[in-house]
Amino acid sequence: MNCTFRIARPGEGDVAVTLEIFQDEDGSMICGLRQLEGRITLGPKAMRAAMLTELAKIEDIARQAGCTEMRHAGEDRAWCLPGYEPMDGLRNGRRKRL
């Protein structure tokens, strides 16, 4: 199941986020960040702080949906994913138990 929503940050920009929720081979529910599209115009430190704030909200959505893990892949976002560990099999794959 895919879910798309918009994160709006007044004066900074907005981003459309698409999450994919699926069942893993072991039966656990996984929430994957499928796509980010948009623009937020901030400096590096402010961008990292904004990403951490918004990521915490996304992780809460995933928990409420019954997910036990978040996954990210594609663009290397390790710099803003504290608590996420490398994941083999996906380009720049990262995962975090919720």
N, C-alpha and C. Protein backbone atom coordinates (compact mmCIF):
# COMPACT_ATOMS: atom_id res chain seq x y z
N MET A 1 0.85 -1.16 0.00
CA MET A 1 0.00 0.00 0.00
C MET A 1 0.90 1.23 0.00
N ASN A 2 0.60 2.19 -0.83
CA ASN A 2 1.33 3.45 -0.88
C ASN A 2 0.49 4.56 -0.27
N CYS A 3 1.16 5.50 0.36
CA CYS A 3 0.52 6.66 0.97
C CYS A 3 1.35 7.89 0.60
N THR A 4 0.70 8.89 0.00
CA THR A 4 1.40 10.12 -0.37
C THR A 4 0.78 11.28 0.39
N PHE A 5 1.65 12.13 0.93
CA PHE A 5 1.20 13.33 1.63
C PHE A 5 2.22 14.43 1.44
N ARG A 6 1.85 15.63 1.79
CA ARG A 6 2.72 16.79 1.60
C ARG A 6 3.16 17.34 2.95
N ILE A 7 4.45 17.63 3.04
CA ILE A 7 5.00 18.33 4.21
C ILE A 7 5.23 19.77 3.77
N ALA A 8 4.53 20.70 4.41
CA ALA A 8 4.69 22.11 4.08
C ALA A 8 5.38 22.81 5.25
N ARG A 9 6.43 23.55 4.93
CA ARG A 9 7.16 24.33 5.92
C ARG A 9 7.12 25.78 5.46
N PRO A 10 6.19 26.58 6.01
CA PRO A 10 6.00 27.96 5.57
C PRO A 10 7.33 28.74 5.52
N GLY A 11 7.53 29.39 4.38
CA GLY A 11 8.74 30.17 4.18
C GLY A 11 9.96 29.36 3.79
N GLU A 12 9.85 28.03 3.83
CA GLU A 12 10.98 27.16 3.52
C GLU A 12 10.74 26.29 2.29
N GLY A 13 9.49 25.95 2.02
CA GLY A 13 9.15 25.10 0.88
C GLY A 13 8.26 23.95 1.29
N ASP A 14 8.05 23.03 0.36
CA ASP A 14 7.28 21.84 0.68
C ASP A 14 7.76 20.64 -0.12
N VAL A 15 7.41 19.47 0.40
CA VAL A 15 7.87 18.21 -0.19
C VAL A 15 6.70 17.22 -0.18
N ALA A 16 6.52 16.51 -1.29
CA ALA A 16 5.57 15.40 -1.34
C ALA A 16 6.33 14.14 -0.95
N VAL A 17 5.77 13.38 -0.03
CA VAL A 17 6.39 12.17 0.48
C VAL A 17 5.51 10.98 0.12
N THR A 18 6.11 9.95 -0.44
CA THR A 18 5.38 8.71 -0.70
C THR A 18 6.01 7.61 0.13
N LEU A 19 5.18 6.99 0.97
CA LEU A 19 5.61 5.86 1.78
C LEU A 19 4.99 4.59 1.21
N GLU A 20 5.72 3.50 1.29
CA GLU A 20 5.19 2.20 0.90
C GLU A 20 5.19 1.31 2.13
N ILE A 21 4.03 0.77 2.46
CA ILE A 21 3.91 -0.14 3.60
C ILE A 21 3.67 -1.53 3.04
N PHE A 22 4.51 -2.46 3.48
CA PHE A 22 4.39 -3.82 2.97
C PHE A 22 4.79 -4.82 4.06
N GLN A 23 4.44 -6.08 3.81
CA GLN A 23 4.77 -7.15 4.75
C GLN A 23 6.04 -7.84 4.28
N ASP A 24 7.01 -7.96 5.19
CA ASP A 24 8.28 -8.61 4.88
C ASP A 24 8.08 -10.12 4.89
N GLU A 25 9.10 -10.83 4.45
CA GLU A 25 9.03 -12.30 4.38
C GLU A 25 8.73 -12.93 5.73
N ASP A 26 9.21 -12.29 6.81
CA ASP A 26 8.98 -12.85 8.15
C ASP A 26 7.64 -12.44 8.75
N GLY A 27 6.83 -11.69 7.99
CA GLY A 27 5.51 -11.28 8.43
C GLY A 27 5.47 -9.90 9.08
N SER A 28 6.63 -9.30 9.32
CA SER A 28 6.64 -7.98 9.94
C SER A 28 6.24 -6.91 8.93
N MET A 29 5.65 -5.83 9.43
CA MET A 29 5.23 -4.73 8.58
C MET A 29 6.37 -3.73 8.46
N ILE A 30 6.66 -3.34 7.23
CA ILE A 30 7.76 -2.44 6.92
C ILE A 30 7.21 -1.17 6.29
N CYS A 31 7.78 -0.03 6.65
CA CYS A 31 7.44 1.25 6.01
C CYS A 31 8.68 1.72 5.29
N GLY A 32 8.59 1.85 3.98
CA GLY A 32 9.71 2.31 3.18
C GLY A 32 9.45 3.69 2.62
N LEU A 33 10.45 4.54 2.68
CA LEU A 33 10.36 5.85 2.05
C LEU A 33 10.57 5.64 0.57
N ARG A 34 9.50 5.77 -0.21
CA ARG A 34 9.54 5.45 -1.63
C ARG A 34 9.98 6.63 -2.48
N GLN A 35 9.50 7.84 -2.15
CA GLN A 35 9.82 8.99 -2.99
C GLN A 35 9.68 10.29 -2.21
N LEU A 36 10.59 11.20 -2.47
CA LEU A 36 10.52 12.58 -1.99
C LEU A 36 10.55 13.47 -3.22
N GLU A 37 9.64 14.42 -3.29
CA GLU A 37 9.61 15.32 -4.45
C GLU A 37 9.24 16.72 -3.98
N GLY A 38 10.07 17.67 -4.27
CA GLY A 38 9.81 19.04 -3.87
C GLY A 38 11.11 19.72 -3.49
N ARG A 39 10.99 20.81 -2.77
CA ARG A 39 12.19 21.57 -2.43
C ARG A 39 11.98 22.30 -1.11
N ILE A 40 13.00 22.23 -0.27
CA ILE A 40 13.06 23.02 0.94
C ILE A 40 14.38 23.77 0.89
N THR A 41 14.33 25.08 1.04
CA THR A 41 15.53 25.90 0.89
C THR A 41 16.05 26.32 2.26
N LEU A 42 17.00 25.57 2.75
CA LEU A 42 17.63 25.84 4.03
C LEU A 42 19.12 25.56 3.92
N GLY A 43 19.89 26.13 4.83
CA GLY A 43 21.30 25.81 4.91
C GLY A 43 21.49 24.40 5.46
N PRO A 44 22.71 23.87 5.40
CA PRO A 44 22.95 22.48 5.81
C PRO A 44 22.50 22.13 7.23
N LYS A 45 22.84 22.95 8.22
CA LYS A 45 22.46 22.64 9.61
C LYS A 45 20.96 22.72 9.81
N ALA A 46 20.35 23.76 9.25
CA ALA A 46 18.89 23.90 9.36
C ALA A 46 18.18 22.79 8.59
N MET A 47 18.73 22.37 7.45
CA MET A 47 18.13 21.28 6.67
C MET A 47 18.17 19.98 7.48
N ARG A 48 19.29 19.69 8.11
CA ARG A 48 19.40 18.47 8.91
C ARG A 48 18.38 18.51 10.05
N ALA A 49 18.27 19.64 10.73
CA ALA A 49 17.30 19.78 11.83
C ALA A 49 15.87 19.58 11.32
N ALA A 50 15.54 20.18 10.18
CA ALA A 50 14.20 20.02 9.60
C ALA A 50 13.95 18.57 9.22
N MET A 51 14.94 17.92 8.62
CA MET A 51 14.77 16.52 8.22
C MET A 51 14.55 15.63 9.45
N LEU A 52 15.29 15.87 10.53
CA LEU A 52 15.11 15.08 11.74
C LEU A 52 13.72 15.27 12.32
N THR A 53 13.23 16.50 12.32
CA THR A 53 11.89 16.79 12.83
C THR A 53 10.83 16.08 12.01
N GLU A 54 10.92 16.20 10.69
CA GLU A 54 9.91 15.59 9.81
C GLU A 54 10.03 14.07 9.81
N LEU A 55 11.25 13.55 9.90
CA LEU A 55 11.44 12.10 9.93
C LEU A 55 10.81 11.50 11.19
N ALA A 56 10.92 12.20 12.32
CA ALA A 56 10.28 11.72 13.55
C ALA A 56 8.77 11.61 13.36
N LYS A 57 8.17 12.57 12.65
CA LYS A 57 6.73 12.52 12.37
C LYS A 57 6.39 11.33 11.47
N ILE A 58 7.23 11.09 10.46
CA ILE A 58 7.00 9.96 9.55
C ILE A 58 7.12 8.64 10.30
N GLU A 59 8.11 8.53 11.18
CA GLU A 59 8.27 7.31 11.97
C GLU A 59 7.05 7.09 12.86
N ASP A 60 6.46 8.16 13.41
CA ASP A 60 5.24 8.03 14.21
C ASP A 60 4.08 7.51 13.36
N ILE A 61 3.96 8.01 12.14
CA ILE A 61 2.93 7.51 11.22
C ILE A 61 3.12 6.02 10.98
N ALA A 62 4.36 5.61 10.75
CA ALA A 62 4.66 4.19 10.50
C ALA A 62 4.30 3.34 11.72
N ARG A 63 4.64 3.80 12.91
CA ARG A 63 4.29 3.05 14.13
C ARG A 63 2.78 2.90 14.26
N GLN A 64 2.05 4.00 14.02
CA GLN A 64 0.59 3.97 14.13
C GLN A 64 -0.02 3.02 13.11
N ALA A 65 0.66 2.83 11.98
CA ALA A 65 0.17 1.90 10.95
C ALA A 65 0.55 0.46 11.27
N GLY A 66 1.27 0.24 12.38
CA GLY A 66 1.64 -1.11 12.78
C GLY A 66 2.99 -1.58 12.26
N CYS A 67 3.77 -0.67 11.70
CA CYS A 67 5.08 -1.04 11.17
C CYS A 67 6.10 -1.18 12.29
N THR A 68 7.02 -2.11 12.11
CA THR A 68 8.07 -2.34 13.10
C THR A 68 9.44 -1.92 12.59
N GLU A 69 9.50 -1.46 11.34
CA GLU A 69 10.78 -1.06 10.76
C GLU A 69 10.56 0.00 9.68
N MET A 70 11.51 0.95 9.62
CA MET A 70 11.57 1.94 8.54
C MET A 70 12.75 1.58 7.66
N ARG A 71 12.59 1.80 6.35
CA ARG A 71 13.67 1.56 5.40
C ARG A 71 13.78 2.74 4.44
N HIS A 72 15.02 3.05 4.09
CA HIS A 72 15.32 4.10 3.11
C HIS A 72 16.36 3.54 2.16
N ALA A 73 16.30 3.94 0.91
CA ALA A 73 17.32 3.54 -0.08
C ALA A 73 17.36 4.62 -1.16
N GLY A 74 18.32 4.48 -2.05
CA GLY A 74 18.45 5.44 -3.15
C GLY A 74 19.48 6.48 -2.82
N GLU A 75 19.05 7.74 -2.78
CA GLU A 75 19.96 8.83 -2.45
C GLU A 75 20.55 8.61 -1.05
N ASP A 76 21.84 8.89 -0.91
CA ASP A 76 22.51 8.66 0.37
C ASP A 76 22.06 9.72 1.38
N ARG A 77 21.24 9.31 2.34
CA ARG A 77 20.75 10.22 3.38
C ARG A 77 21.29 9.85 4.75
N ALA A 78 22.39 9.10 4.80
CA ALA A 78 22.94 8.65 6.08
C ALA A 78 23.22 9.83 7.01
N TRP A 79 23.55 10.99 6.46
CA TRP A 79 23.88 12.17 7.26
C TRP A 79 22.70 12.67 8.09
N CYS A 80 21.49 12.28 7.72
CA CYS A 80 20.33 12.75 8.48
C CYS A 80 19.49 11.58 9.02
N LEU A 81 20.11 10.40 9.12
CA LEU A 81 19.38 9.23 9.60
C LEU A 81 20.06 8.62 10.83
N PRO A 82 20.14 9.35 11.95
CA PRO A 82 20.74 8.76 13.14
C PRO A 82 19.90 7.58 13.62
N GLY A 83 20.56 6.55 14.06
CA GLY A 83 19.83 5.38 14.53
C GLY A 83 19.51 4.38 13.43
N TYR A 84 19.80 4.74 12.19
CA TYR A 84 19.58 3.83 11.06
C TYR A 84 20.89 3.10 10.78
N GLU A 85 20.79 1.83 10.47
CA GLU A 85 21.98 1.04 10.17
C GLU A 85 21.99 0.65 8.70
N PRO A 86 23.17 0.36 8.16
CA PRO A 86 23.25 -0.04 6.74
C PRO A 86 22.44 -1.31 6.48
N MET A 87 21.93 -1.40 5.27
CA MET A 87 21.12 -2.55 4.86
C MET A 87 21.61 -3.04 3.51
N ASP A 88 22.01 -4.28 3.43
CA ASP A 88 22.48 -4.86 2.17
C ASP A 88 21.32 -5.07 1.21
N GLY A 89 21.65 -5.09 -0.08
CA GLY A 89 20.67 -5.42 -1.10
C GLY A 89 19.97 -4.23 -1.73
N LEU A 90 20.14 -3.05 -1.15
CA LEU A 90 19.54 -1.83 -1.69
C LEU A 90 20.62 -0.77 -1.78
N ARG A 91 20.61 0.01 -2.86
CA ARG A 91 21.60 1.08 -3.01
C ARG A 91 21.42 2.09 -1.88
N ASN A 92 22.47 2.31 -1.10
CA ASN A 92 22.44 3.20 0.05
C ASN A 92 21.34 2.82 1.04
N GLY A 93 21.04 1.54 1.14
CA GLY A 93 19.97 1.07 2.03
C GLY A 93 20.28 1.33 3.50
N ARG A 94 19.27 1.80 4.23
CA ARG A 94 19.37 2.04 5.66
C ARG A 94 18.08 1.52 6.29
N ARG A 95 18.16 1.03 7.53
CA ARG A 95 16.98 0.53 8.22
C ARG A 95 17.03 0.90 9.70
N LYS A 96 15.83 0.98 10.29
CA LYS A 96 15.73 1.28 11.73
C LYS A 96 14.54 0.53 12.28
N ARG A 97 14.77 -0.18 13.38
CA ARG A 97 13.66 -0.83 14.09
C ARG A 97 12.89 0.25 14.83
N LEU A 98 11.58 0.20 14.73
CA LEU A 98 10.74 1.21 15.40
C LEU A 98 10.29 0.72 16.76
